[in-house]
Amino acid sequence: MADKPTVAVLDYGSGNVHSAVKALESAGAEVTLTRDRQAVMDADGLLVPGVGAFGAVMEQLNAIRGGELIERRLAGGRPVLGICVGMQVMFERGVERGNDIEGLGEWRGTVRELEAPVVPHMGWSTVEVGEGSRLFAGLEDERFYFVHSFAAQDWTLEVDKPFREPAVTWSTHGSRFIAAVENGPLSATQFHPEKSGEAGIALLRNWLGTL
């Protein structure tokens, strides 16, 4: 039997990390909750969780130089998966209640409040799976669990050949927003796989299969 893939869950102060650890273990990973820089660099995969406000998450990440760790991994082609606000901070900016906050800038675009009759968007929703997706293989008709008031709502990044086009997956709550992105070693989901039952575990298993 092959060794289990190792995943570091970045411990920078975000809430609800233990459910992510358990979900990854259920999907077949050997998981460490850590902020140790060498452990983060050495793991097969890095998961960046995120709960709460864009600005607070950026503050916590900056306090441990988390952006530098993420960038170093990506520069070496080492996979990273962001979840919820851990996805949002991968974009250039977040605008929350009048505050314009700088993100990690891995992707172009701004995270804004959803244009919907009711926010937050809380509950199970279907997704429009992006072409060439590996995360959603076999899960195209599943529902996933969302809890958020903000999202990226435009995708403008153009990729030159020979690099593969990103797989961008969408969902709708009031208007369309980005539900997931797969872009080389960097993947992210706006929903919570760890709260999405069997479909979420299967998605994490698909990600582990790419490591």
Foldseek 3Di string as FASTA:
>chain_A
DDDAAEEEEEPLPAPDVVLVQVLLVVLGHHYDDDNPLVSNLPGQEYEYEHDDDLVVSQVSCVVSVVLVSVVVCVVVLRAYEYEASRVQLCEQWEADPNDIGGGSHVFYFYKYFDPAPDPDPFAWFAKCKFPPDQLCVVPNGAIFTAHDGIATADHDDDDDPPADDKGWMWTDHRHIGTQWIDGRRYIYGNTDLSPGPPSSSSSSSSVSVVD
